[in-house]
Amino acid sequence: MSVKQKLAYQKEKIFANRDYGSMRLDINDPSVHWDYTIAFKTTNAEGKQPPISMEDILRRLHAQGLQFRLYYSSTRDIVFCEIRCHYQRLKIEADRIDMPVLLEPSELQATAERGFEDLGINPFPISDVKKIYDFAPYEYIHASFEDDDDKQYLFAKRNLDGTVFSPVKRMKLIESIIISKECCDLDLDKLILNGSILACYPLHNDEEVKILARDWIPAYRMPWNQPFDNIREYFGERIAFYFVYLGHYTTFMLYAAIFGVLVFTAQLFIKDTRTTLASGEVLVVSHIPYLVPAFGLFMCVWSTLFLETWKREQNVWAMKWGMSDLADDENTRPQFTGEPFASPINGVTSLYFPPTKKYTRVAMSWSVLLLLISIVFLLVGGIFRLRYVWTHDAALKLPGVLSHIPVGSVLASVANVVQITIMGKIYYKTFYSFNEYENHETDSQYEASLVVKTFVFNFVNNFAALFYTAFLKESFEGECKDSDCLGELAYCLALVFGIQLVVGNVREILLPRIFAWLNKRSIVKGHAVTEALSDAEKQFYLSTYEWSGTFDDYTEMITQFGYCSLFVVSFPLTPVLALVNNYIEIRVDGFRLLFENRRSRPRSAGGIGMWLQIVEWCTTIAIFTNAYVVVWTSNTFDFLKDTALFTDPDVLDEYAKAQQAIAIDEYAKVQKLIAFVTFVAVMMVIRFFLSQVIPDVPASVSAQLKRQQFFNNKAIFRLPDDVVSKFVANKEDTFDMTIHDN
């Protein structure tokens, strides 16, 4: 049995059958906040009893040292149970689950300089005189909490009441007591599903909300200057990492926007000229012919740098928040079904779902996904057919100064946005159910499966029209204005992306407020409200922002990253639109979380999870799409036709002219292919080089994690110094040292 297993076994014995009756709070003490709420339905419309009664739930809460108070809603059809917990009980739970907490740097340093002589531990101070690393030796050191009295001084007490646990840790500990099998054994998600409870949520703290809103929402707060630590202390690491990612992404978008404005300005004010090639073909040539390739190269490097620096940023924050060693242990999802099965290893009974059944269900899900993708292709094909008709319809030509507006393209782009929106709604309505049908055992498996399918569908749904314009339009329709489809691609990207941003903000800002008002109105309609609503009831009527909330936000940002990376060379102002949108997004999301949503149940996280892999895929695909747009979609490399050796057309007959034209076209295609392969190869080499010279984990973070392990062994576990045994010989002993030949 390992040391860790022995410690876990000892803890099990200590915590088993423990009496928490003495850990009660004065119910009238205003200094101790009510942290958590469970909502019960007073009557069942069908007259059925829930699987677990309210009395049974309350009895379990009471037995585990949780204090609660009950009161009716204003409509008297809901009972709210507010919960709080004694600090000593929280300490016991934190010790049981090995909750990581920050160590106080000054106390840790004093302990290191003092050592534990009685335990055989010499002083173990660390200094960084040459300032090799970014972090001081004793800062951001975390350790698993222990309830021993002689170790309490080591844990950082950053709260106003002098306690170790921040509000978000308090929420986590209370929920751990409620859901753990060793404690209350109440799976809250399962209780909601089977109707035993209506909802469960932590309560907002008005004072903390005011402080966070003051430091977060104002317009002068830059994306890189958000109060990330405060966000984490209020909402937990999962939501905090979303805003760290959004801040990092928006900061990088600023560089792309500046370069994009310069490129767009150059394209706007420097007129193109028409040049006749020696072959007789008219070519529109820019005065800055390499502007498009240069911008494509810049954006490919930009996306790679964004990805590599984000990996470092993610690891830095994980270290600062004590999430670098986040355990992978997960509870079984309440929705998971299977047959009871006794493990042949330890005899423990658990649910078993045969892999063959799961693979069959996964295959069915992907079959339906392919069907939806096929429908998207058909719709996009129909839209472009209509655009072709509308473009050539004289009745749709605008008069006068408006005649230059391509009405057909505008109508087609609007239709494309409608298609994206409707098919997106159909997908989400369908695939949440299909992902449940796949019967994933853990939340991480469920999320990874949904993330991959969502990426595949959104990639096709959002970008199919752009791929058609860039890759297929000239081949299928046989024409692009001035043999340059880049302008049409730019028009399509600008309209689709711009309209999407407007529609998205309306959907995110306006519609939730309308639905929240209607929801509250429908609930209280017909009831005479004679008293002010309690905080718990007010928050009960708010929208929820749980796992699906961060999922939707990440989906939005990753889709936007696709628009800003895959075809950005066609419309250099795309990063500008994204920058403005994200600047607003930070404030909208922050305001929504603080004032318009229930407080989310805090979740630990060591990063953005599977979404990082999606960003990597987009970055790789962007190299190929931008290379194709630069080489084939634009006319930048059409001059290659003029480099072919040919005979003067005036001395050739018609057949020879046709053959020579074909030969020149084939020559140009080969040269373009070489240019495409060269562009891709150069970018792949640059990406590989940057990934090697920019390590995912900064040296300072690696050093700090090693220091953390060292300090844990010495200051928390108090392992004695390694003792090297010394053999002391008796000088009076004699022995033979004769060396023989053989």
Foldseek 3Di string as FASTA:
>chain_A
DDPVVVVLVVLCVVLAPDAQQVFDDDPPDPVFDQWKKFKAFPADPVRDAFPAAPVLLVVLCVRLQKDWDWDAFLQRGMIMITIAHGLLSLLSLLQNVQPKAAWDQVVLQVCLQCFDVVLQTHRHHDADVVCPFPDGLRALFIGRRDPDPVQVNGGDQPDPVRGRAFSLSRLVSSVCQCCPPSGSVDDQVLCCVRRNTVDMFTFFDVVLLVVQCVQFQDLPQALCRHPLVSCCSFFNDQVSQLSNLLSLVLVLLVVLQVLLVVLVVLPVPFAWDWDQFLLRDIATATPCLCSLVVNLLVLLLSLLVSLLVQLAVLLVVCSSVVNPPPDPDFAWDSLFAADWDQDPPPRDTDGDDDPVVLVVLLVVLVVVLVVLLVVLVVQLVVLVVQLVVQQPDPVNQDDDPRRVDRPSLLVSLVSLLVQLVVSVVVCVVPVVVSLSVSRDTGPLVSVLSVVVSLLVNNCSSLCVNLCCLLPPCCVVVVDDVSLASLQVSQSSLCNNVVVCLVVVCCVLQPVQVVVLVVQVCVVCPPGDRPDDGDSVVVQVSFAAQEPVNSVVVLSVVLSLVLSCQQSCSSRSNSSVVVSVSSSVVSSSVSCCQSPRHGRYNYDHDSHNRPSSVSSVVSSLNSQLRSLSCSLNNGCSQVCQLSVDDDDNCVVDDPVVSVVVVVVSVVSSVVVSVVSSVVSSVVSVVSSVVVPVVSDSHDPSSVVNVVSSVVSCVCSPVNDHDDDDDDDDDDPVDDDDPDDDDD
